[in-house]
Amino acid sequence: MITWAYGIRYSCFIVSDEGLLSGGPKWILTDGFDVQATIPPGIPSYTVQQLQDGDAPEIQEMLRALLEERFKVAVHRGMTEVPVYELTVSAGGAN
C-alpha cells in the first residue's frame, strides 16, 4: 500500500530488499492488514496497472491520507545510492 500511495514502481519485496523504504518497526515488512475504506462518488475508476504505475493521483492521495491517519505513517524522501546491475547479451548471443 505504501508503494502504491507514494508512486514507488516496485513490488514490496524489491522495495524492502533494496532499501528503497527504510525506517519503521520490523513488523511493517511482515505483518498484513485488511484495510476497509470507501471511495467517495465522483472519483475516477483506475486499473490496478495504473495504480501500480503511479498513474492514479486521486486514489494515491486518499491512500496517503489513510496511511497517515490510521497508521501514523510519516514520509521523508531522500536520495540514496544503490548498486545497479546491467545484464547484456554477449556478441555471440545467449548460449
Protein backbone atom coordinates (compact mmCIF):
# COMPACT_ATOMS: atom_id res chain seq x y z
CA MET A 1 0.00 0.00 0.00
CA ILE A 2 2.91 2.34 0.73
CA THR A 3 4.38 1.71 -2.72
CA TRP A 4 1.03 2.48 -4.35
CA ALA A 5 0.38 5.60 -2.25
CA TYR A 6 3.76 7.16 -2.96
CA GLY A 7 4.26 6.00 -6.54
CA ILE A 8 7.17 3.65 -5.90
CA ARG A 9 7.13 1.46 -9.01
CA TYR A 10 8.47 -1.72 -7.48
CA SER A 11 6.93 -4.68 -5.72
CA CYS A 12 7.01 -4.62 -1.93
CA PHE A 13 9.69 -7.35 -1.94
CA ILE A 14 12.08 -5.37 -4.13
CA VAL A 15 11.43 -2.21 -2.13
CA SER A 16 12.36 -3.84 1.18
CA ASP A 17 15.25 -5.88 -0.22
CA GLU A 18 16.89 -2.90 -1.92
CA GLY A 19 16.32 -0.47 0.95
CA LEU A 20 14.03 1.79 -1.06
CA LEU A 21 11.88 2.07 2.07
CA SER A 22 13.63 2.38 5.37
CA GLY A 23 12.74 3.03 8.97
CA GLY A 24 9.70 1.95 10.87
CA PRO A 25 9.21 -1.12 13.00
CA LYS A 26 10.22 -4.55 11.64
CA TRP A 27 6.60 -5.76 11.53
CA ILE A 28 5.93 -3.32 8.69
CA LEU A 29 7.62 -5.80 6.30
CA THR A 30 6.00 -8.96 7.67
CA ASP A 31 2.53 -8.27 9.08
CA GLY A 32 -0.53 -7.91 6.90
CA PHE A 33 -3.72 -5.98 7.43
CA ASP A 34 -7.17 -5.96 5.89
CA VAL A 35 -7.97 -2.31 5.31
CA GLN A 36 -11.57 -1.32 4.68
CA ALA A 37 -12.19 2.05 3.10
CA THR A 38 -14.80 3.61 0.87
CA ILE A 39 -14.00 5.55 -2.27
CA PRO A 40 -16.29 8.59 -2.49
CA PRO A 41 -18.54 9.12 -5.50
CA GLY A 42 -17.00 11.01 -8.39
CA ILE A 43 -13.51 9.53 -8.08
CA PRO A 44 -12.39 8.15 -11.46
CA SER A 45 -12.01 4.41 -11.91
CA TYR A 46 -8.44 3.22 -12.31
CA THR A 47 -6.97 -0.11 -13.27
CA VAL A 48 -4.60 -1.97 -10.97
CA GLN A 49 -1.85 -1.29 -13.51
CA GLN A 50 -2.47 2.47 -13.31
CA LEU A 51 -2.28 2.27 -9.52
CA GLN A 52 0.94 0.26 -9.64
CA ASP A 53 2.43 2.71 -12.17
CA GLY A 54 1.57 5.73 -10.03
CA ASP A 55 -0.99 6.97 -12.56
CA ALA A 56 -3.98 7.20 -10.18
CA PRO A 57 -3.47 10.55 -8.41
CA GLU A 58 -6.84 10.75 -6.63
CA ILE A 59 -6.54 7.22 -5.22
CA GLN A 60 -2.90 7.78 -4.27
CA GLU A 61 -3.82 10.93 -2.36
CA MET A 62 -6.52 9.05 -0.46
CA LEU A 63 -4.13 6.19 0.31
CA ARG A 64 -1.54 8.62 1.69
CA ALA A 65 -4.19 10.22 3.93
CA LEU A 66 -5.34 6.78 5.12
CA LEU A 67 -1.77 5.71 5.93
CA GLU A 68 -1.08 8.96 7.79
CA GLU A 69 -4.33 8.93 9.77
CA ARG A 70 -4.73 5.23 10.61
CA PHE A 71 -1.13 4.04 10.73
CA LYS A 72 0.70 7.30 11.59
CA VAL A 73 2.97 6.90 8.56
CA ALA A 74 5.34 9.82 8.10
CA VAL A 75 7.47 10.07 4.98
CA HIS A 76 10.76 11.74 4.22
CA ARG A 77 12.06 11.41 0.68
CA GLY A 78 15.78 11.32 0.09
CA MET A 79 18.36 10.17 -2.41
CA THR A 80 20.45 7.09 -1.72
CA GLU A 81 22.99 5.37 -3.92
CA VAL A 82 22.20 1.70 -4.51
CA PRO A 83 24.07 -0.86 -6.62
CA VAL A 84 22.73 -1.43 -10.11
CA TYR A 85 23.45 -4.38 -12.36
CA GLU A 86 23.03 -4.41 -16.12
CA LEU A 87 22.57 -7.70 -17.96
CA THR A 88 23.57 -7.72 -21.61
CA VAL A 89 23.77 -10.43 -24.24
CA SER A 90 27.29 -11.12 -25.46
CA ALA A 91 28.25 -10.63 -29.11
CA GLY A 92 27.89 -14.38 -29.74
CA GLY A 93 24.35 -14.40 -28.38
CA ALA A 94 22.88 -16.34 -25.49
CA ASN A 95 24.12 -19.93 -25.22
